[in-house]
Amino acid sequence: MNIQAEKLNVLQQIINSDDVNLIKDIKSLISNREIDWFDGLSKTQQNDVSEGIRQLDNGNVFSHEEAKNRFGYK
């Protein structure tokens, strides 16, 4: 699917429409749509977050103090 072509096609249909209800429905759909921050991440970032959650679930954690000591910050 060519997303740019699809967007242009949808925009053209909206521009050519005189259906007020269609425009209201589209406006409502756009304004009410919740976008999850996770979906805005790259696949690599999503994988990193998922790995971090798996580590937490498995108890593979350490405190802030342990992290500072481990990486030489005092």
PDB file of N, CA and C in Angstrom:
ATOM      1  N   MET A   1       0.840  -1.181   0.000  1.00  0.00           N
ATOM      2  CA  MET A   1       0.000   0.000   0.000  1.00  0.00           C
ATOM      3  C   MET A   1       0.885   1.243   0.000  1.00  0.00           C
ATOM      4  N   ASN A   2       0.622   2.140  -0.909  1.00  0.00           N
ATOM      5  CA  ASN A   2       1.321   3.415  -0.964  1.00  0.00           C
ATOM      6  C   ASN A   2       0.526   4.412  -0.120  1.00  0.00           C
ATOM      7  N   ILE A   3       1.005   4.677   1.096  1.00  0.00           N
ATOM      8  CA  ILE A   3       0.261   5.505   2.041  1.00  0.00           C
ATOM      9  C   ILE A   3       0.052   6.924   1.524  1.00  0.00           C
ATOM     10  N   GLN A   4       1.034   7.468   0.816  1.00  0.00           N
ATOM     11  CA  GLN A   4       0.887   8.827   0.286  1.00  0.00           C
ATOM     12  C   GLN A   4      -0.236   8.888  -0.753  1.00  0.00           C
ATOM     13  N   ALA A   5      -0.294   7.903  -1.618  1.00  0.00           N
ATOM     14  CA  ALA A   5      -1.346   7.854  -2.630  1.00  0.00           C
ATOM     15  C   ALA A   5      -2.713   7.681  -1.973  1.00  0.00           C
ATOM     16  N   GLU A   6      -2.769   6.848  -0.926  1.00  0.00           N
ATOM     17  CA  GLU A   6      -4.031   6.641  -0.211  1.00  0.00           C
ATOM     18  C   GLU A   6      -4.506   7.933   0.451  1.00  0.00           C
ATOM     19  N   LYS A   7      -3.580   8.649   1.078  1.00  0.00           N
ATOM     20  CA  LYS A   7      -3.945   9.916   1.722  1.00  0.00           C
ATOM     21  C   LYS A   7      -4.463  10.909   0.685  1.00  0.00           C
ATOM     22  N   LEU A   8      -3.782  11.003  -0.438  1.00  0.00           N
ATOM     23  CA  LEU A   8      -4.233  11.919  -1.489  1.00  0.00           C
ATOM     24  C   LEU A   8      -5.613  11.531  -2.014  1.00  0.00           C
ATOM     25  N   ASN A   9      -5.855  10.236  -2.160  1.00  0.00           N
ATOM     26  CA  ASN A   9      -7.149   9.756  -2.619  1.00  0.00           C
ATOM     27  C   ASN A   9      -8.251  10.136  -1.626  1.00  0.00           C
ATOM     28  N   VAL A  10      -7.998   9.913  -0.346  1.00  0.00           N
ATOM     29  CA  VAL A  10      -8.986  10.266   0.679  1.00  0.00           C
ATOM     30  C   VAL A  10      -9.228  11.769   0.695  1.00  0.00           C
ATOM     31  N   LEU A  11      -8.157  12.541   0.635  1.00  0.00           N
ATOM     32  CA  LEU A  11      -8.295  14.002   0.618  1.00  0.00           C
ATOM     33  C   LEU A  11      -9.119  14.474  -0.586  1.00  0.00           C
ATOM     34  N   GLN A  12      -8.863  13.877  -1.729  1.00  0.00           N
ATOM     35  CA  GLN A  12      -9.607  14.254  -2.936  1.00  0.00           C
ATOM     36  C   GLN A  12     -11.095  13.962  -2.772  1.00  0.00           C
ATOM     37  N   GLN A  13     -11.415  12.822  -2.179  1.00  0.00           N
ATOM     38  CA  GLN A  13     -12.813  12.478  -1.939  1.00  0.00           C
ATOM     39  C   GLN A  13     -13.472  13.458  -0.980  1.00  0.00           C
ATOM     40  N   ILE A  14     -12.746  13.871   0.050  1.00  0.00           N
ATOM     41  CA  ILE A  14     -13.276  14.842   1.004  1.00  0.00           C
ATOM     42  C   ILE A  14     -13.491  16.184   0.311  1.00  0.00           C
ATOM     43  N   ILE A  15     -12.514  16.623  -0.447  1.00  0.00           N
ATOM     44  CA  ILE A  15     -12.603  17.908  -1.142  1.00  0.00           C
ATOM     45  C   ILE A  15     -13.790  17.938  -2.098  1.00  0.00           C
ATOM     46  N   ASN A  16     -14.042  16.831  -2.776  1.00  0.00           N
ATOM     47  CA  ASN A  16     -15.117  16.775  -3.760  1.00  0.00           C
ATOM     48  C   ASN A  16     -16.494  16.532  -3.140  1.00  0.00           C
ATOM     49  N   SER A  17     -16.542  16.289  -1.850  1.00  0.00           N
ATOM     50  CA  SER A  17     -17.807  15.962  -1.201  1.00  0.00           C
ATOM     51  C   SER A  17     -18.523  17.211  -0.686  1.00  0.00           C
ATOM     52  N   ASP A  18     -19.837  17.223  -0.848  1.00  0.00           N
ATOM     53  CA  ASP A  18     -20.673  18.273  -0.257  1.00  0.00           C
ATOM     54  C   ASP A  18     -21.493  17.707   0.897  1.00  0.00           C
ATOM     55  N   ASP A  19     -21.171  16.484   1.319  1.00  0.00           N
ATOM     56  CA  ASP A  19     -21.896  15.805   2.389  1.00  0.00           C
ATOM     57  C   ASP A  19     -21.398  16.315   3.742  1.00  0.00           C
ATOM     58  N   VAL A  20     -22.192  17.160   4.359  1.00  0.00           N
ATOM     59  CA  VAL A  20     -21.816  17.771   5.639  1.00  0.00           C
ATOM     60  C   VAL A  20     -21.624  16.699   6.711  1.00  0.00           C
ATOM     61  N   ASN A  21     -22.480  15.685   6.703  1.00  0.00           N
ATOM     62  CA  ASN A  21     -22.360  14.625   7.704  1.00  0.00           C
ATOM     63  C   ASN A  21     -21.050  13.845   7.544  1.00  0.00           C
ATOM     64  N   LEU A  22     -20.633  13.623   6.320  1.00  0.00           N
ATOM     65  CA  LEU A  22     -19.361  12.945   6.078  1.00  0.00           C
ATOM     66  C   LEU A  22     -18.216  13.762   6.672  1.00  0.00           C
ATOM     67  N   ILE A  23     -18.235  15.049   6.420  1.00  0.00           N
ATOM     68  CA  ILE A  23     -17.170  15.918   6.944  1.00  0.00           C
ATOM     69  C   ILE A  23     -17.191  15.914   8.470  1.00  0.00           C
ATOM     70  N   LYS A  24     -18.381  15.992   9.064  1.00  0.00           N
ATOM     71  CA  LYS A  24     -18.498  15.948  10.534  1.00  0.00           C
ATOM     72  C   LYS A  24     -17.988  14.619  11.075  1.00  0.00           C
ATOM     73  N   ASP A  25     -18.323  13.516  10.399  1.00  0.00           N
ATOM     74  CA  ASP A  25     -17.871  12.197  10.850  1.00  0.00           C
ATOM     75  C   ASP A  25     -16.351  12.081  10.784  1.00  0.00           C
ATOM     76  N   ILE A  26     -15.774  12.568   9.718  1.00  0.00           N
ATOM     77  CA  ILE A  26     -14.320  12.504   9.566  1.00  0.00           C
ATOM     78  C   ILE A  26     -13.648  13.365  10.630  1.00  0.00           C
ATOM     79  N   LYS A  27     -14.180  14.553  10.835  1.00  0.00           N
ATOM     80  CA  LYS A  27     -13.624  15.450  11.849  1.00  0.00           C
ATOM     81  C   LYS A  27     -13.708  14.808  13.225  1.00  0.00           C
ATOM     82  N   SER A  28     -14.836  14.188  13.534  1.00  0.00           N
ATOM     83  CA  SER A  28     -15.015  13.517  14.814  1.00  0.00           C
ATOM     84  C   SER A  28     -14.050  12.345  14.964  1.00  0.00           C
ATOM     85  N   LEU A  29     -13.908  11.571  13.910  1.00  0.00           N
ATOM     86  CA  LEU A  29     -12.996  10.429  13.938  1.00  0.00           C
ATOM     87  C   LEU A  29     -11.566  10.880  14.237  1.00  0.00           C
ATOM     88  N   ILE A  30     -11.137  11.924  13.586  1.00  0.00           N
ATOM     89  CA  ILE A  30      -9.768  12.413  13.774  1.00  0.00           C
ATOM     90  C   ILE A  30      -9.573  12.979  15.176  1.00  0.00           C
ATOM     91  N   SER A  31     -10.520  13.755  15.659  1.00  0.00           N
ATOM     92  CA  SER A  31     -10.340  14.403  16.961  1.00  0.00           C
ATOM     93  C   SER A  31     -10.507  13.432  18.124  1.00  0.00           C
ATOM     94  N   ASN A  32     -11.238  12.348  17.928  1.00  0.00           N
ATOM     95  CA  ASN A  32     -11.483  11.402  19.021  1.00  0.00           C
ATOM     96  C   ASN A  32     -10.524  10.222  19.034  1.00  0.00           C
ATOM     97  N   ARG A  33      -9.692  10.142  18.032  1.00  0.00           N
ATOM     98  CA  ARG A  33      -8.779   9.005  17.932  1.00  0.00           C
ATOM     99  C   ARG A  33      -7.639   9.161  18.930  1.00  0.00           C
ATOM    100  N   GLU A  34      -7.460   8.150  19.758  1.00  0.00           N
ATOM    101  CA  GLU A  34      -6.344   8.158  20.692  1.00  0.00           C
ATOM    102  C   GLU A  34      -5.154   7.498  20.027  1.00  0.00           C
ATOM    103  N   ILE A  35      -4.024   8.168  20.091  1.00  0.00           N
ATOM    104  CA  ILE A  35      -2.809   7.618  19.515  1.00  0.00           C
ATOM    105  C   ILE A  35      -1.912   7.176  20.666  1.00  0.00           C
ATOM    106  N   ASP A  36      -1.566   5.916  20.665  1.00  0.00           N
ATOM    107  CA  ASP A  36      -0.707   5.346  21.685  1.00  0.00           C
ATOM    108  C   ASP A  36       0.736   5.762  21.398  1.00  0.00           C
ATOM    109  N   TRP A  37       1.429   6.273  22.392  1.00  0.00           N
ATOM    110  CA  TRP A  37       2.809   6.735  22.197  1.00  0.00           C
ATOM    111  C   TRP A  37       3.690   5.612  21.665  1.00  0.00           C
ATOM    112  N   PHE A  38       3.375   4.377  22.048  1.00  0.00           N
ATOM    113  CA  PHE A  38       4.165   3.221  21.623  1.00  0.00           C
ATOM    114  C   PHE A  38       4.137   3.073  20.109  1.00  0.00           C
ATOM    115  N   ASP A  39       2.989   3.358  19.504  1.00  0.00           N
ATOM    116  CA  ASP A  39       2.855   3.236  18.049  1.00  0.00           C
ATOM    117  C   ASP A  39       3.720   4.240  17.296  1.00  0.00           C
ATOM    118  N   GLY A  40       4.097   5.328  17.960  1.00  0.00           N
ATOM    119  CA  GLY A  40       4.928   6.343  17.328  1.00  0.00           C
ATOM    120  C   GLY A  40       6.414   6.011  17.342  1.00  0.00           C
ATOM    121  N   LEU A  41       6.768   4.930  18.027  1.00  0.00           N
ATOM    122  CA  LEU A  41       8.168   4.529  18.114  1.00  0.00           C
ATOM    123  C   LEU A  41       8.575   3.691  16.909  1.00  0.00           C
ATOM    124  N   SER A  42       9.858   3.693  16.626  1.00  0.00           N
ATOM    125  CA  SER A  42      10.374   2.812  15.576  1.00  0.00           C
ATOM    126  C   SER A  42      10.289   1.370  16.071  1.00  0.00           C
ATOM    127  N   LYS A  43      10.428   0.417  15.161  1.00  0.00           N
ATOM    128  CA  LYS A  43      10.404  -1.001  15.546  1.00  0.00           C
ATOM    129  C   LYS A  43      11.536  -1.313  16.537  1.00  0.00           C
ATOM    130  N   THR A  44      12.694  -0.723  16.314  1.00  0.00           N
ATOM    131  CA  THR A  44      13.822  -0.948  17.223  1.00  0.00           C
ATOM    132  C   THR A  44      13.480  -0.438  18.618  1.00  0.00           C
ATOM    133  N   GLN A  45      12.900   0.754  18.698  1.00  0.00           N
ATOM    134  CA  GLN A  45      12.517   1.313  19.990  1.00  0.00           C
ATOM    135  C   GLN A  45      11.428   0.466  20.654  1.00  0.00           C
ATOM    136  N   GLN A  46      10.448   0.016  19.859  1.00  0.00           N
ATOM    137  CA  GLN A  46       9.398  -0.842  20.405  1.00  0.00           C
ATOM    138  C   GLN A  46       9.988  -2.123  20.977  1.00  0.00           C
ATOM    139  N   ASN A  47      10.941  -2.708  20.244  1.00  0.00           N
ATOM    140  CA  ASN A  47      11.588  -3.932  20.729  1.00  0.00           C
ATOM    141  C   ASN A  47      12.354  -3.672  22.021  1.00  0.00           C
ATOM    142  N   ASP A  48      13.034  -2.531  22.120  1.00  0.00           N
ATOM    143  CA  ASP A  48      13.778  -2.188  23.329  1.00  0.00           C
ATOM    144  C   ASP A  48      12.841  -2.027  24.522  1.00  0.00           C
ATOM    145  N   VAL A  49      11.729  -1.350  24.322  1.00  0.00           N
ATOM    146  CA  VAL A  49      10.754  -1.173  25.403  1.00  0.00           C
ATOM    147  C   VAL A  49      10.191  -2.524  25.824  1.00  0.00           C
ATOM    148  N   SER A  50       9.835  -3.350  24.859  1.00  0.00           N
ATOM    149  CA  SER A  50       9.291  -4.677  25.163  1.00  0.00           C
ATOM    150  C   SER A  50      10.308  -5.523  25.925  1.00  0.00           C
ATOM    151  N   GLU A  51      11.569  -5.446  25.532  1.00  0.00           N
ATOM    152  CA  GLU A  51      12.622  -6.182  26.231  1.00  0.00           C
ATOM    153  C   GLU A  51      12.758  -5.684  27.663  1.00  0.00           C
ATOM    154  N   GLY A  52      12.695  -4.394  27.865  1.00  0.00           N
ATOM    155  CA  GLY A  52      12.761  -3.828  29.213  1.00  0.00           C
ATOM    156  C   GLY A  52      11.611  -4.307  30.082  1.00  0.00           C
ATOM    157  N   ILE A  53      10.432  -4.377  29.514  1.00  0.00           N
ATOM    158  CA  ILE A  53       9.264  -4.874  30.258  1.00  0.00           C
ATOM    159  C   ILE A  53       9.455  -6.349  30.613  1.00  0.00           C
ATOM    160  N   ARG A  54       9.966  -7.139  29.667  1.00  0.00           N
ATOM    161  CA  ARG A  54      10.237  -8.556  29.947  1.00  0.00           C
ATOM    162  C   ARG A  54      11.252  -8.693  31.090  1.00  0.00           C
ATOM    163  N   GLN A  55      12.280  -7.852  31.070  1.00  0.00           N
ATOM    164  CA  GLN A  55      13.282  -7.895  32.130  1.00  0.00           C
ATOM    165  C   GLN A  55      12.655  -7.555  33.484  1.00  0.00           C
ATOM    166  N   LEU A  56      11.809  -6.535  33.506  1.00  0.00           N
ATOM    167  CA  LEU A  56      11.119  -6.180  34.748  1.00  0.00           C
ATOM    168  C   LEU A  56      10.245  -7.323  35.238  1.00  0.00           C
ATOM    169  N   ASP A  57       9.483  -7.922  34.313  1.00  0.00           N
ATOM    170  CA  ASP A  57       8.605  -9.030  34.673  1.00  0.00           C
ATOM    171  C   ASP A  57       9.378 -10.217  35.232  1.00  0.00           C
ATOM    172  N   ASN A  58      10.618 -10.404  34.768  1.00  0.00           N
ATOM    173  CA  ASN A  58      11.457 -11.518  35.223  1.00  0.00           C
ATOM    174  C   ASN A  58      12.298 -11.161  36.449  1.00  0.00           C
ATOM    175  N   GLY A  59      12.116  -9.953  36.959  1.00  0.00           N
ATOM    176  CA  GLY A  59      12.853  -9.536  38.154  1.00  0.00           C
ATOM    177  C   GLY A  59      14.277  -9.109  37.884  1.00  0.00           C
ATOM    178  N   ASN A  60      14.627  -8.894  36.634  1.00  0.00           N
ATOM    179  CA  ASN A  60      15.983  -8.453  36.274  1.00  0.00           C
ATOM    180  C   ASN A  60      16.070  -6.937  36.397  1.00  0.00           C
ATOM    181  N   VAL A  61      16.146  -6.456  37.634  1.00  0.00           N
ATOM    182  CA  VAL A  61      16.166  -5.015  37.890  1.00  0.00           C
ATOM    183  C   VAL A  61      17.250  -4.698  38.908  1.00  0.00           C
ATOM    184  N   PHE A  62      17.638  -3.429  38.955  1.00  0.00           N
ATOM    185  CA  PHE A  62      18.517  -2.967  40.009  1.00  0.00           C
ATOM    186  C   PHE A  62      18.153  -1.522  40.325  1.00  0.00           C
ATOM    187  N   SER A  63      18.511  -1.096  41.533  1.00  0.00           N
ATOM    188  CA  SER A  63      18.135   0.232  42.007  1.00  0.00           C
ATOM    189  C   SER A  63      18.924   1.330  41.297  1.00  0.00           C
ATOM    190  N   HIS A  64      18.496   2.559  41.516  1.00  0.00           N
ATOM    191  CA  HIS A  64      19.183   3.706  40.957  1.00  0.00           C
ATOM    192  C   HIS A  64      20.616   3.773  41.492  1.00  0.00           C
ATOM    193  N   GLU A  65      20.768   3.510  42.794  1.00  0.00           N
ATOM    194  CA  GLU A  65      22.109   3.511  43.393  1.00  0.00           C
ATOM    195  C   GLU A  65      22.999   2.458  42.747  1.00  0.00           C
ATOM    196  N   GLU A  66      22.453   1.254  42.536  1.00  0.00           N
ATOM    197  CA  GLU A  66      23.224   0.192  41.889  1.00  0.00           C
ATOM    198  C   GLU A  66      23.623   0.588  40.469  1.00  0.00           C
ATOM    199  N   ALA A  67      22.726   1.257  39.762  1.00  0.00           N
ATOM    200  CA  ALA A  67      23.025   1.698  38.400  1.00  0.00           C
ATOM    201  C   ALA A  67      24.142   2.732  38.405  1.00  0.00           C
ATOM    202  N   LYS A  68      24.075   3.684  39.333  1.00  0.00           N
ATOM    203  CA  LYS A  68      25.131   4.697  39.426  1.00  0.00           C
ATOM    204  C   LYS A  68      26.475   4.051  39.720  1.00  0.00           C
ATOM    205  N   ASN A  69      26.483   3.100  40.646  1.00  0.00           N
ATOM    206  CA  ASN A  69      27.734   2.420  40.989  1.00  0.00           C
ATOM    207  C   ASN A  69      28.243   1.586  39.811  1.00  0.00           C
ATOM    208  N   ARG A  70      27.331   0.911  39.144  1.00  0.00           N
ATOM    209  CA  ARG A  70      27.710   0.037  38.035  1.00  0.00           C
ATOM    210  C   ARG A  70      28.362   0.828  36.901  1.00  0.00           C
ATOM    211  N   PHE A  71      27.873   2.061  36.667  1.00  0.00           N
ATOM    212  CA  PHE A  71      28.385   2.865  35.549  1.00  0.00           C
ATOM    213  C   PHE A  71      29.319   3.972  35.998  1.00  0.00           C
ATOM    214  N   GLY A  72      29.757   3.933  37.256  1.00  0.00           N
ATOM    215  CA  GLY A  72      30.793   4.826  37.735  1.00  0.00           C
ATOM    216  C   GLY A  72      30.336   6.236  38.075  1.00  0.00           C
ATOM    217  N   TYR A  73      29.051   6.462  38.283  1.00  0.00           N
ATOM    218  CA  TYR A  73      28.565   7.792  38.680  1.00  0.00           C
ATOM    219  C   TYR A  73      28.436   7.841  40.184  1.00  0.00           C
ATOM    220  N   LYS A  74      28.806   8.960  40.757  1.00  0.00           N
ATOM    221  CA  LYS A  74      28.720   9.077  42.226  1.00  0.00           C
ATOM    222  C   LYS A  74      27.928  10.278  42.615  1.00  0.00           C
TER     223      LYS A  74
END
